[in-house]
Amino acid sequence: MAWSRACSVLELEDDKPFSAEVGDELVALVRHEGELFAIRDECSHGRVMLSLGEVDERTIECFAHGSRFDLRTGEPLELPATRPVPVYPVNVEGDDVLVDLDNPLNSI
């Protein structure tokens, strides 16, 4: 696994998406009910940052189109999106939040 630093754990607030540049990829990081999630910060329906949307019940909403994505699987739960978004493993070392872009948790 190739872990890369995304941000400090201190930068994350519960249920407030945080956009981080990891390598060449924008990733939305979400802390929800004690769990950390990393999902590509782009709606699969359009080029809109998911980090601008709301988090509810382990989902993130695209504020522009209304599609919701499961933070665990990246699967779209509401139209108009029909394709999943990559989700990535997350690890915390000290105060650093690390993401592994090389090994997505879902197959896209």
PDB file of N, CA and C in Angstrom:
ATOM      1  N   MET A   1       0.837  -1.185   0.000  1.00  0.00           N
ATOM      2  CA  MET A   1       0.000   0.000   0.000  1.00  0.00           C
ATOM      3  C   MET A   1       0.879   1.244   0.000  1.00  0.00           C
ATOM      4  N   ALA A   2       0.403   2.249  -0.686  1.00  0.00           N
ATOM      5  CA  ALA A   2       1.130   3.510  -0.770  1.00  0.00           C
ATOM      6  C   ALA A   2       0.333   4.597  -0.062  1.00  0.00           C
ATOM      7  N   TRP A   3       0.578   4.756   1.211  1.00  0.00           N
ATOM      8  CA  TRP A   3      -0.144   5.744   2.002  1.00  0.00           C
ATOM      9  C   TRP A   3       0.419   7.135   1.753  1.00  0.00           C
ATOM     10  N   SER A   4      -0.478   8.098   1.579  1.00  0.00           N
ATOM     11  CA  SER A   4      -0.090   9.497   1.393  1.00  0.00           C
ATOM     12  C   SER A   4      -0.842  10.353   2.395  1.00  0.00           C
ATOM     13  N   ARG A   5      -0.164  11.365   2.921  1.00  0.00           N
ATOM     14  CA  ARG A   5      -0.809  12.264   3.876  1.00  0.00           C
ATOM     15  C   ARG A   5      -1.854  13.114   3.166  1.00  0.00           C
ATOM     16  N   ALA A   6      -3.041  13.181   3.759  1.00  0.00           N
ATOM     17  CA  ALA A   6      -4.123  13.991   3.206  1.00  0.00           C
ATOM     18  C   ALA A   6      -4.304  15.284   3.996  1.00  0.00           C
ATOM     19  N   CYS A   7      -4.242  15.172   5.321  1.00  0.00           N
ATOM     20  CA  CYS A   7      -4.456  16.331   6.180  1.00  0.00           C
ATOM     21  C   CYS A   7      -4.144  15.951   7.616  1.00  0.00           C
ATOM     22  N   SER A   8      -4.330  16.897   8.508  1.00  0.00           N
ATOM     23  CA  SER A   8      -4.231  16.633   9.934  1.00  0.00           C
ATOM     24  C   SER A   8      -5.608  16.217  10.436  1.00  0.00           C
ATOM     25  N   VAL A   9      -5.646  15.315  11.361  1.00  0.00           N
ATOM     26  CA  VAL A   9      -6.925  14.898  11.952  1.00  0.00           C
ATOM     27  C   VAL A   9      -7.624  16.092  12.605  1.00  0.00           C
ATOM     28  N   LEU A  10      -6.850  17.089  13.022  1.00  0.00           N
ATOM     29  CA  LEU A  10      -7.411  18.278  13.661  1.00  0.00           C
ATOM     30  C   LEU A  10      -8.199  19.152  12.688  1.00  0.00           C
ATOM     31  N   GLU A  11      -7.996  18.954  11.376  1.00  0.00           N
ATOM     32  CA  GLU A  11      -8.710  19.728  10.368  1.00  0.00           C
ATOM     33  C   GLU A  11     -10.113  19.183  10.090  1.00  0.00           C
ATOM     34  N   LEU A  12     -10.407  17.999  10.580  1.00  0.00           N
ATOM     35  CA  LEU A  12     -11.691  17.359  10.296  1.00  0.00           C
ATOM     36  C   LEU A  12     -12.714  17.650  11.377  1.00  0.00           C
ATOM     37  N   GLU A  13     -13.915  17.996  10.949  1.00  0.00           N
ATOM     38  CA  GLU A  13     -15.050  18.186  11.856  1.00  0.00           C
ATOM     39  C   GLU A  13     -16.092  17.121  11.540  1.00  0.00           C
ATOM     40  N   ASP A  14     -16.818  16.677  12.548  1.00  0.00           N
ATOM     41  CA  ASP A  14     -17.851  15.661  12.340  1.00  0.00           C
ATOM     42  C   ASP A  14     -18.851  16.118  11.280  1.00  0.00           C
ATOM     43  N   ASP A  15     -19.108  15.231  10.328  1.00  0.00           N
ATOM     44  CA  ASP A  15     -20.127  15.421   9.288  1.00  0.00           C
ATOM     45  C   ASP A  15     -19.914  16.647   8.410  1.00  0.00           C
ATOM     46  N   LYS A  16     -18.687  17.165   8.371  1.00  0.00           N
ATOM     47  CA  LYS A  16     -18.370  18.279   7.488  1.00  0.00           C
ATOM     48  C   LYS A  16     -17.270  17.819   6.532  1.00  0.00           C
ATOM     49  N   PRO A  17     -17.596  17.601   5.255  1.00  0.00           N
ATOM     50  CA  PRO A  17     -16.586  17.125   4.311  1.00  0.00           C
ATOM     51  C   PRO A  17     -15.409  18.089   4.202  1.00  0.00           C
ATOM     52  N   PHE A  18     -14.233  17.510   4.026  1.00  0.00           N
ATOM     53  CA  PHE A  18     -12.995  18.279   3.909  1.00  0.00           C
ATOM     54  C   PHE A  18     -12.305  17.843   2.625  1.00  0.00           C
ATOM     55  N   SER A  19     -12.021  18.781   1.738  1.00  0.00           N
ATOM     56  CA  SER A  19     -11.350  18.473   0.476  1.00  0.00           C
ATOM     57  C   SER A  19      -9.841  18.558   0.657  1.00  0.00           C
ATOM     58  N   ALA A  20      -9.148  17.513   0.201  1.00  0.00           N
ATOM     59  CA  ALA A  20      -7.686  17.482   0.303  1.00  0.00           C
ATOM     60  C   ALA A  20      -7.103  16.998  -1.020  1.00  0.00           C
ATOM     61  N   GLU A  21      -5.986  17.610  -1.399  1.00  0.00           N
ATOM     62  CA  GLU A  21      -5.280  17.148  -2.582  1.00  0.00           C
ATOM     63  C   GLU A  21      -4.290  16.088  -2.151  1.00  0.00           C
ATOM     64  N   VAL A  22      -4.463  14.895  -2.699  1.00  0.00           N
ATOM     65  CA  VAL A  22      -3.583  13.769  -2.393  1.00  0.00           C
ATOM     66  C   VAL A  22      -2.968  13.336  -3.724  1.00  0.00           C
ATOM     67  N   GLY A  23      -1.691  13.589  -3.893  1.00  0.00           N
ATOM     68  CA  GLY A  23      -1.082  13.353  -5.199  1.00  0.00           C
ATOM     69  C   GLY A  23      -1.761  14.249  -6.225  1.00  0.00           C
ATOM     70  N   ASP A  24      -2.269  13.644  -7.281  1.00  0.00           N
ATOM     71  CA  ASP A  24      -2.976  14.390  -8.328  1.00  0.00           C
ATOM     72  C   ASP A  24      -4.486  14.319  -8.169  1.00  0.00           C
ATOM     73  N   GLU A  25      -4.959  13.821  -7.062  1.00  0.00           N
ATOM     74  CA  GLU A  25      -6.385  13.545  -6.863  1.00  0.00           C
ATOM     75  C   GLU A  25      -6.954  14.417  -5.748  1.00  0.00           C
ATOM     76  N   LEU A  26      -8.163  14.937  -5.968  1.00  0.00           N
ATOM     77  CA  LEU A  26      -8.897  15.587  -4.886  1.00  0.00           C
ATOM     78  C   LEU A  26      -9.735  14.528  -4.189  1.00  0.00           C
ATOM     79  N   VAL A  27      -9.625  14.485  -2.882  1.00  0.00           N
ATOM     80  CA  VAL A  27     -10.333  13.496  -2.072  1.00  0.00           C
ATOM     81  C   VAL A  27     -11.167  14.229  -1.033  1.00  0.00           C
ATOM     82  N   ALA A  28     -12.416  13.802  -0.878  1.00  0.00           N
ATOM     83  CA  ALA A  28     -13.268  14.315   0.191  1.00  0.00           C
ATOM     84  C   ALA A  28     -13.119  13.391   1.388  1.00  0.00           C
ATOM     85  N   LEU A  29     -12.700  13.965   2.513  1.00  0.00           N
ATOM     86  CA  LEU A  29     -12.569  13.205   3.757  1.00  0.00           C
ATOM     87  C   LEU A  29     -13.739  13.554   4.650  1.00  0.00           C
ATOM     88  N   VAL A  30     -14.315  12.532   5.270  1.00  0.00           N
ATOM     89  CA  VAL A  30     -15.484  12.729   6.124  1.00  0.00           C
ATOM     90  C   VAL A  30     -15.297  11.943   7.410  1.00  0.00           C
ATOM     91  N   ARG A  31     -15.511  12.617   8.538  1.00  0.00           N
ATOM     92  CA  ARG A  31     -15.556  11.935   9.833  1.00  0.00           C
ATOM     93  C   ARG A  31     -17.021  11.877  10.235  1.00  0.00           C
ATOM     94  N   HIS A  32     -17.543  10.657  10.346  1.00  0.00           N
ATOM     95  CA  HIS A  32     -18.957  10.450  10.670  1.00  0.00           C
ATOM     96  C   HIS A  32     -19.064   9.347  11.715  1.00  0.00           C
ATOM     97  N   GLU A  33     -19.650   9.676  12.855  1.00  0.00           N
ATOM     98  CA  GLU A  33     -19.871   8.734  13.956  1.00  0.00           C
ATOM     99  C   GLU A  33     -18.603   7.954  14.298  1.00  0.00           C
ATOM    100  N   GLY A  34     -17.479   8.668  14.376  1.00  0.00           N
ATOM    101  CA  GLY A  34     -16.222   8.057  14.786  1.00  0.00           C
ATOM    102  C   GLY A  34     -15.466   7.334  13.679  1.00  0.00           C
ATOM    103  N   GLU A  35     -16.028   7.249  12.474  1.00  0.00           N
ATOM    104  CA  GLU A  35     -15.362   6.601  11.353  1.00  0.00           C
ATOM    105  C   GLU A  35     -14.841   7.648  10.382  1.00  0.00           C
ATOM    106  N   LEU A  36     -13.738   7.323   9.708  1.00  0.00           N
ATOM    107  CA  LEU A  36     -13.198   8.194   8.673  1.00  0.00           C
ATOM    108  C   LEU A  36     -13.412   7.557   7.311  1.00  0.00           C
ATOM    109  N   PHE A  37     -13.814   8.374   6.356  1.00  0.00           N
ATOM    110  CA  PHE A  37     -14.058   7.922   4.994  1.00  0.00           C
ATOM    111  C   PHE A  37     -13.307   8.826   4.027  1.00  0.00           C
ATOM    112  N   ALA A  38     -12.857   8.236   2.915  1.00  0.00           N
ATOM    113  CA  ALA A  38     -12.213   8.998   1.839  1.00  0.00           C
ATOM    114  C   ALA A  38     -12.873   8.589   0.530  1.00  0.00           C
ATOM    115  N   ILE A  39     -13.377   9.571  -0.207  1.00  0.00           N
ATOM    116  CA  ILE A  39     -14.063   9.340  -1.468  1.00  0.00           C
ATOM    117  C   ILE A  39     -13.575  10.381  -2.464  1.00  0.00           C
ATOM    118  N   ARG A  40     -13.458   9.985  -3.742  1.00  0.00           N
ATOM    119  CA  ARG A  40     -13.030  10.963  -4.750  1.00  0.00           C
ATOM    120  C   ARG A  40     -13.949  12.170  -4.677  1.00  0.00           C
ATOM    121  N   ASP A  41     -13.355  13.329  -4.691  1.00  0.00           N
ATOM    122  CA  ASP A  41     -14.115  14.572  -4.503  1.00  0.00           C
ATOM    123  C   ASP A  41     -14.689  15.060  -5.830  1.00  0.00           C
ATOM    124  N   GLU A  42     -15.453  14.172  -6.474  1.00  0.00           N
ATOM    125  CA  GLU A  42     -16.094  14.547  -7.730  1.00  0.00           C
ATOM    126  C   GLU A  42     -17.296  13.638  -7.977  1.00  0.00           C
ATOM    127  N   CYS A  43     -18.438  14.250  -8.185  1.00  0.00           N
ATOM    128  CA  CYS A  43     -19.655  13.510  -8.510  1.00  0.00           C
ATOM    129  C   CYS A  43     -19.451  12.787  -9.829  1.00  0.00           C
ATOM    130  N   SER A  44     -19.905  11.551  -9.925  1.00  0.00           N
ATOM    131  CA  SER A  44     -19.756  10.789 -11.163  1.00  0.00           C
ATOM    132  C   SER A  44     -20.738  11.240 -12.241  1.00  0.00           C
ATOM    133  N   HIS A  45     -21.708  12.061 -11.884  1.00  0.00           N
ATOM    134  CA  HIS A  45     -22.675  12.582 -12.848  1.00  0.00           C
ATOM    135  C   HIS A  45     -22.185  13.858 -13.513  1.00  0.00           C
ATOM    136  N   GLY A  46     -21.425  14.655 -12.775  1.00  0.00           N
ATOM    137  CA  GLY A  46     -20.912  15.921 -13.295  1.00  0.00           C
ATOM    138  C   GLY A  46     -19.694  16.336 -12.517  1.00  0.00           C
ATOM    139  N   ARG A  47     -18.991  17.280 -13.020  1.00  0.00           N
ATOM    140  CA  ARG A  47     -17.737  17.711 -12.390  1.00  0.00           C
ATOM    141  C   ARG A  47     -18.017  18.669 -11.236  1.00  0.00           C
ATOM    142  N   VAL A  48     -18.613  18.146 -10.184  1.00  0.00           N
ATOM    143  CA  VAL A  48     -18.967  18.930  -9.006  1.00  0.00           C
ATOM    144  C   VAL A  48     -18.288  18.295  -7.796  1.00  0.00           C
ATOM    145  N   MET A  49     -17.694  19.126  -6.939  1.00  0.00           N
ATOM    146  CA  MET A  49     -17.012  18.619  -5.753  1.00  0.00           C
ATOM    147  C   MET A  49     -18.022  18.097  -4.731  1.00  0.00           C
ATOM    148  N   LEU A  50     -17.869  16.833  -4.355  1.00  0.00           N
ATOM    149  CA  LEU A  50     -18.748  16.251  -3.338  1.00  0.00           C
ATOM    150  C   LEU A  50     -18.529  16.890  -1.974  1.00  0.00           C
ATOM    151  N   SER A  51     -17.341  17.417  -1.730  1.00  0.00           N
ATOM    152  CA  SER A  51     -17.046  18.031  -0.429  1.00  0.00           C
ATOM    153  C   SER A  51     -17.896  19.274  -0.168  1.00  0.00           C
ATOM    154  N   LEU A  52     -18.578  19.775  -1.180  1.00  0.00           N
ATOM    155  CA  LEU A  52     -19.466  20.918  -0.993  1.00  0.00           C
ATOM    156  C   LEU A  52     -20.873  20.490  -0.568  1.00  0.00           C
ATOM    157  N   GLY A  53     -21.107  19.181  -0.525  1.00  0.00           N
ATOM    158  CA  GLY A  53     -22.423  18.650  -0.171  1.00  0.00           C
ATOM    159  C   GLY A  53     -22.553  18.312   1.297  1.00  0.00           C
ATOM    160  N   GLU A  54     -23.709  17.778   1.650  1.00  0.00           N
ATOM    161  CA  GLU A  54     -24.008  17.432   3.043  1.00  0.00           C
ATOM    162  C   GLU A  54     -23.814  15.942   3.297  1.00  0.00           C
ATOM    163  N   VAL A  55     -23.496  15.629   4.544  1.00  0.00           N
ATOM    164  CA  VAL A  55     -23.312  14.249   4.992  1.00  0.00           C
ATOM    165  C   VAL A  55     -24.499  13.869   5.864  1.00  0.00           C
ATOM    166  N   ASP A  56     -25.020  12.660   5.624  1.00  0.00           N
ATOM    167  CA  ASP A  56     -26.124  12.151   6.439  1.00  0.00           C
ATOM    168  C   ASP A  56     -26.129  10.629   6.356  1.00  0.00           C
ATOM    169  N   GLU A  57     -26.120   9.963   7.497  1.00  0.00           N
ATOM    170  CA  GLU A  57     -26.235   8.496   7.556  1.00  0.00           C
ATOM    171  C   GLU A  57     -25.268   7.784   6.614  1.00  0.00           C
ATOM    172  N   ARG A  58     -23.982   8.085   6.710  1.00  0.00           N
ATOM    173  CA  ARG A  58     -22.918   7.465   5.902  1.00  0.00           C
ATOM    174  C   ARG A  58     -23.099   7.685   4.404  1.00  0.00           C
ATOM    175  N   THR A  59     -23.706   8.825   4.047  1.00  0.00           N
ATOM    176  CA  THR A  59     -23.810   9.203   2.643  1.00  0.00           C
ATOM    177  C   THR A  59     -23.346  10.647   2.491  1.00  0.00           C
ATOM    178  N   ILE A  60     -22.968  10.987   1.258  1.00  0.00           N
ATOM    179  CA  ILE A  60     -22.623  12.360   0.924  1.00  0.00           C
ATOM    180  C   ILE A  60     -23.436  12.747  -0.308  1.00  0.00           C
ATOM    181  N   GLU A  61     -23.957  13.961  -0.300  1.00  0.00           N
ATOM    182  CA  GLU A  61     -24.839  14.422  -1.369  1.00  0.00           C
ATOM    183  C   GLU A  61     -24.122  15.403  -2.288  1.00  0.00           C
ATOM    184  N   CYS A  62     -24.361  15.264  -3.577  1.00  0.00           N
ATOM    185  CA  CYS A  62     -23.896  16.247  -4.544  1.00  0.00           C
ATOM    186  C   CYS A  62     -24.860  17.424  -4.462  1.00  0.00           C
ATOM    187  N   PHE A  63     -24.336  18.579  -4.056  1.00  0.00           N
ATOM    188  CA  PHE A  63     -25.221  19.726  -3.842  1.00  0.00           C
ATOM    189  C   PHE A  63     -25.852  20.222  -5.138  1.00  0.00           C
ATOM    190  N   ALA A  64     -25.217  19.982  -6.276  1.00  0.00           N
ATOM    191  CA  ALA A  64     -25.728  20.494  -7.555  1.00  0.00           C
ATOM    192  C   ALA A  64     -26.816  19.613  -8.154  1.00  0.00           C
ATOM    193  N   HIS A  65     -26.678  18.298  -7.985  1.00  0.00           N
ATOM    194  CA  HIS A  65     -27.587  17.382  -8.672  1.00  0.00           C
ATOM    195  C   HIS A  65     -28.483  16.582  -7.733  1.00  0.00           C
ATOM    196  N   GLY A  66     -28.141  16.531  -6.453  1.00  0.00           N
ATOM    197  CA  GLY A  66     -28.962  15.802  -5.491  1.00  0.00           C
ATOM    198  C   GLY A  66     -28.639  14.327  -5.366  1.00  0.00           C
ATOM    199  N   SER A  67     -27.695  13.824  -6.160  1.00  0.00           N
ATOM    200  CA  SER A  67     -27.314  12.411  -6.016  1.00  0.00           C
ATOM    201  C   SER A  67     -26.638  12.200  -4.675  1.00  0.00           C
ATOM    202  N   ARG A  68     -26.898  11.027  -4.072  1.00  0.00           N
ATOM    203  CA  ARG A  68     -26.247  10.667  -2.818  1.00  0.00           C
ATOM    204  C   ARG A  68     -25.374   9.448  -3.076  1.00  0.00           C
ATOM    205  N   PHE A  69     -24.210   9.430  -2.413  1.00  0.00           N
ATOM    206  CA  PHE A  69     -23.268   8.326  -2.562  1.00  0.00           C
ATOM    207  C   PHE A  69     -22.975   7.725  -1.196  1.00  0.00           C
ATOM    208  N   ASP A  70     -22.910   6.392  -1.147  1.00  0.00           N
ATOM    209  CA  ASP A  70     -22.553   5.679   0.070  1.00  0.00           C
ATOM    210  C   ASP A  70     -21.065   5.911   0.326  1.00  0.00           C
ATOM    211  N   LEU A  71     -20.707   6.410   1.492  1.00  0.00           N
ATOM    212  CA  LEU A  71     -19.311   6.694   1.820  1.00  0.00           C
ATOM    213  C   LEU A  71     -18.474   5.423   1.947  1.00  0.00           C
ATOM    214  N   ARG A  72     -19.120   4.287   2.193  1.00  0.00           N
ATOM    215  CA  ARG A  72     -18.387   3.028   2.348  1.00  0.00           C
ATOM    216  C   ARG A  72     -18.098   2.359   1.014  1.00  0.00           C
ATOM    217  N   THR A  73     -19.012   2.494   0.057  1.00  0.00           N
ATOM    218  CA  THR A  73     -18.893   1.766  -1.207  1.00  0.00           C
ATOM    219  C   THR A  73     -18.743   2.661  -2.430  1.00  0.00           C
ATOM    220  N   GLY A  74     -19.094   3.943  -2.297  1.00  0.00           N
ATOM    221  CA  GLY A  74     -19.080   4.851  -3.437  1.00  0.00           C
ATOM    222  C   GLY A  74     -20.273   4.707  -4.360  1.00  0.00           C
ATOM    223  N   GLU A  75     -21.163   3.783  -4.060  1.00  0.00           N
ATOM    224  CA  GLU A  75     -22.329   3.528  -4.913  1.00  0.00           C
ATOM    225  C   GLU A  75     -23.305   4.698  -4.866  1.00  0.00           C
ATOM    226  N   PRO A  76     -23.858   5.073  -6.025  1.00  0.00           N
ATOM    227  CA  PRO A  76     -24.886   6.110  -6.043  1.00  0.00           C
ATOM    228  C   PRO A  76     -26.190   5.543  -5.499  1.00  0.00           C
ATOM    229  N   LEU A  77     -26.856   6.312  -4.669  1.00  0.00           N
ATOM    230  CA  LEU A  77     -28.104   5.864  -4.054  1.00  0.00           C
ATOM    231  C   LEU A  77     -29.310   6.614  -4.602  1.00  0.00           C
ATOM    232  N   GLU A  78     -29.050   7.706  -5.327  1.00  0.00           N
ATOM    233  CA  GLU A  78     -30.129   8.498  -5.925  1.00  0.00           C
ATOM    234  C   GLU A  78     -29.678   9.021  -7.277  1.00  0.00           C
ATOM    235  N   LEU A  79     -30.622   9.098  -8.194  1.00  0.00           N
ATOM    236  CA  LEU A  79     -30.353   9.665  -9.515  1.00  0.00           C
ATOM    237  C   LEU A  79     -30.120  11.161  -9.383  1.00  0.00           C
ATOM    238  N   PRO A  80     -29.438  11.782 -10.327  1.00  0.00           N
ATOM    239  CA  PRO A  80     -29.149  11.299 -11.662  1.00  0.00           C
ATOM    240  C   PRO A  80     -27.864  10.479 -11.781  1.00  0.00           C
ATOM    241  N   ALA A  81     -27.021  10.404 -10.764  1.00  0.00           N
ATOM    242  CA  ALA A  81     -25.786   9.612 -10.863  1.00  0.00           C
ATOM    243  C   ALA A  81     -26.126   8.128 -10.962  1.00  0.00           C
ATOM    244  N   THR A  82     -25.403   7.433 -11.830  1.00  0.00           N
ATOM    245  CA  THR A  82     -25.611   5.990 -11.999  1.00  0.00           C
ATOM    246  C   THR A  82     -24.310   5.207 -11.845  1.00  0.00           C
ATOM    247  N   ARG A  83     -23.174   5.914 -11.778  1.00  0.00           N
ATOM    248  CA  ARG A  83     -21.880   5.253 -11.642  1.00  0.00           C
ATOM    249  C   ARG A  83     -21.296   5.531 -10.260  1.00  0.00           C
ATOM    250  N   PRO A  84     -20.610   4.546  -9.698  1.00  0.00           N
ATOM    251  CA  PRO A  84     -19.982   4.759  -8.389  1.00  0.00           C
ATOM    252  C   PRO A  84     -18.790   5.706  -8.467  1.00  0.00           C
ATOM    253  N   VAL A  85     -18.382   6.171  -7.308  1.00  0.00           N
ATOM    254  CA  VAL A  85     -17.216   7.036  -7.137  1.00  0.00           C
ATOM    255  C   VAL A  85     -16.192   6.228  -6.337  1.00  0.00           C
ATOM    256  N   PRO A  86     -14.909   6.299  -6.686  1.00  0.00           N
ATOM    257  CA  PRO A  86     -13.911   5.548  -5.920  1.00  0.00           C
ATOM    258  C   PRO A  86     -13.858   5.966  -4.451  1.00  0.00           C
ATOM    259  N   VAL A  87     -13.734   4.972  -3.578  1.00  0.00           N
ATOM    260  CA  VAL A  87     -13.498   5.203  -2.156  1.00  0.00           C
ATOM    261  C   VAL A  87     -12.166   4.549  -1.801  1.00  0.00           C
ATOM    262  N   TYR A  88     -11.483   5.123  -0.821  1.00  0.00           N
ATOM    263  CA  TYR A  88     -10.117   4.715  -0.528  1.00  0.00           C
ATOM    264  C   TYR A  88      -9.935   4.360   0.938  1.00  0.00           C
ATOM    265  N   PRO A  89      -8.967   3.473   1.223  1.00  0.00           N
ATOM    266  CA  PRO A  89      -8.635   3.170   2.620  1.00  0.00           C
ATOM    267  C   PRO A  89      -8.081   4.419   3.310  1.00  0.00           C
ATOM    268  N   VAL A  90      -8.402   4.542   4.594  1.00  0.00           N
ATOM    269  CA  VAL A  90      -7.944   5.663   5.407  1.00  0.00           C
ATOM    270  C   VAL A  90      -7.258   5.098   6.648  1.00  0.00           C
ATOM    271  N   ASN A  91      -6.189   5.751   7.059  1.00  0.00           N
ATOM    272  CA  ASN A  91      -5.463   5.351   8.251  1.00  0.00           C
ATOM    273  C   ASN A  91      -5.037   6.620   8.979  1.00  0.00           C
ATOM    274  N   VAL A  92      -4.941   6.550  10.292  1.00  0.00           N
ATOM    275  CA  VAL A  92      -4.465   7.684  11.077  1.00  0.00           C
ATOM    276  C   VAL A  92      -3.180   7.271  11.774  1.00  0.00           C
ATOM    277  N   GLU A  93      -2.143   8.092  11.589  1.00  0.00           N
ATOM    278  CA  GLU A  93      -0.875   7.891  12.285  1.00  0.00           C
ATOM    279  C   GLU A  93      -0.550   9.191  13.000  1.00  0.00           C
ATOM    280  N   GLY A  94      -0.593   9.156  14.308  1.00  0.00           N
ATOM    281  CA  GLY A  94      -0.406  10.378  15.081  1.00  0.00           C
ATOM    282  C   GLY A  94      -1.532  11.342  14.760  1.00  0.00           C
ATOM    283  N   ASP A  95      -1.180  12.533  14.278  1.00  0.00           N
ATOM    284  CA  ASP A  95      -2.184  13.523  13.886  1.00  0.00           C
ATOM    285  C   ASP A  95      -2.442  13.533  12.387  1.00  0.00           C
ATOM    286  N   ASP A  96      -1.787  12.652  11.642  1.00  0.00           N
ATOM    287  CA  ASP A  96      -1.908  12.635  10.191  1.00  0.00           C
ATOM    288  C   ASP A  96      -2.977  11.663   9.708  1.00  0.00           C
ATOM    289  N   VAL A  97      -3.799  12.135   8.773  1.00  0.00           N
ATOM    290  CA  VAL A  97      -4.767  11.282   8.089  1.00  0.00           C
ATOM    291  C   VAL A  97      -4.116  10.856   6.779  1.00  0.00           C
ATOM    292  N   LEU A  98      -4.003   9.542   6.571  1.00  0.00           N
ATOM    293  CA  LEU A  98      -3.358   8.987   5.391  1.00  0.00           C
ATOM    294  C   LEU A  98      -4.401   8.289   4.519  1.00  0.00           C
ATOM    295  N   VAL A  99      -4.210   8.387   3.202  1.00  0.00           N
ATOM    296  CA  VAL A  99      -5.119   7.768   2.238  1.00  0.00           C
ATOM    297  C   VAL A  99      -4.277   6.946   1.268  1.00  0.00           C
ATOM    298  N   ASP A 100      -4.806   5.776   0.877  1.00  0.00           N
ATOM    299  CA  ASP A 100      -4.133   4.912  -0.095  1.00  0.00           C
ATOM    300  C   ASP A 100      -4.895   4.952  -1.424  1.00  0.00           C
ATOM    301  N   LEU A 101      -4.425   5.801  -2.352  1.00  0.00           N
ATOM    302  CA  LEU A 101      -5.081   5.945  -3.647  1.00  0.00           C
ATOM    303  C   LEU A 101      -4.832   4.752  -4.559  1.00  0.00           C
ATOM    304  N   ASP A 102      -3.779   3.975  -4.290  1.00  0.00           N
ATOM    305  CA  ASP A 102      -3.424   2.868  -5.161  1.00  0.00           C
ATOM    306  C   ASP A 102      -4.310   1.642  -4.981  1.00  0.00           C
ATOM    307  N   ASN A 103      -5.070   1.597  -3.900  1.00  0.00           N
ATOM    308  CA  ASN A 103      -5.882   0.414  -3.610  1.00  0.00           C
ATOM    309  C   ASN A 103      -7.317   0.798  -3.225  1.00  0.00           C
ATOM    310  N   PRO A 104      -8.107   1.292  -4.188  1.00  0.00           N
ATOM    311  CA  PRO A 104      -9.494   1.661  -3.874  1.00  0.00           C
ATOM    312  C   PRO A 104     -10.249   0.484  -3.262  1.00  0.00           C
ATOM    313  N   LEU A 105     -11.197   0.806  -2.416  1.00  0.00           N
ATOM    314  CA  LEU A 105     -12.004  -0.225  -1.752  1.00  0.00           C
ATOM    315  C   LEU A 105     -13.103  -0.765  -2.654  1.00  0.00           C
ATOM    316  N   ASN A 106     -13.342  -0.110  -3.780  1.00  0.00           N
ATOM    317  CA  ASN A 106     -14.353  -0.567  -4.725  1.00  0.00           C
ATOM    318  C   ASN A 106     -13.719  -0.655  -6.111  1.00  0.00           C
ATOM    319  N   SER A 107     -14.346  -1.414  -6.979  1.00  0.00           N
ATOM    320  CA  SER A 107     -13.825  -1.522  -8.345  1.00  0.00           C
ATOM    321  C   SER A 107     -14.674  -0.635  -9.253  1.00  0.00           C
ATOM    322  N   ILE A 108     -14.009   0.279  -9.899  1.00  0.00           N
ATOM    323  CA  ILE A 108     -14.690   1.255 -10.766  1.00  0.00           C
ATOM    324  C   ILE A 108     -14.387   0.918 -12.205  1.00  0.00           C
TER     325      ILE A 108
END
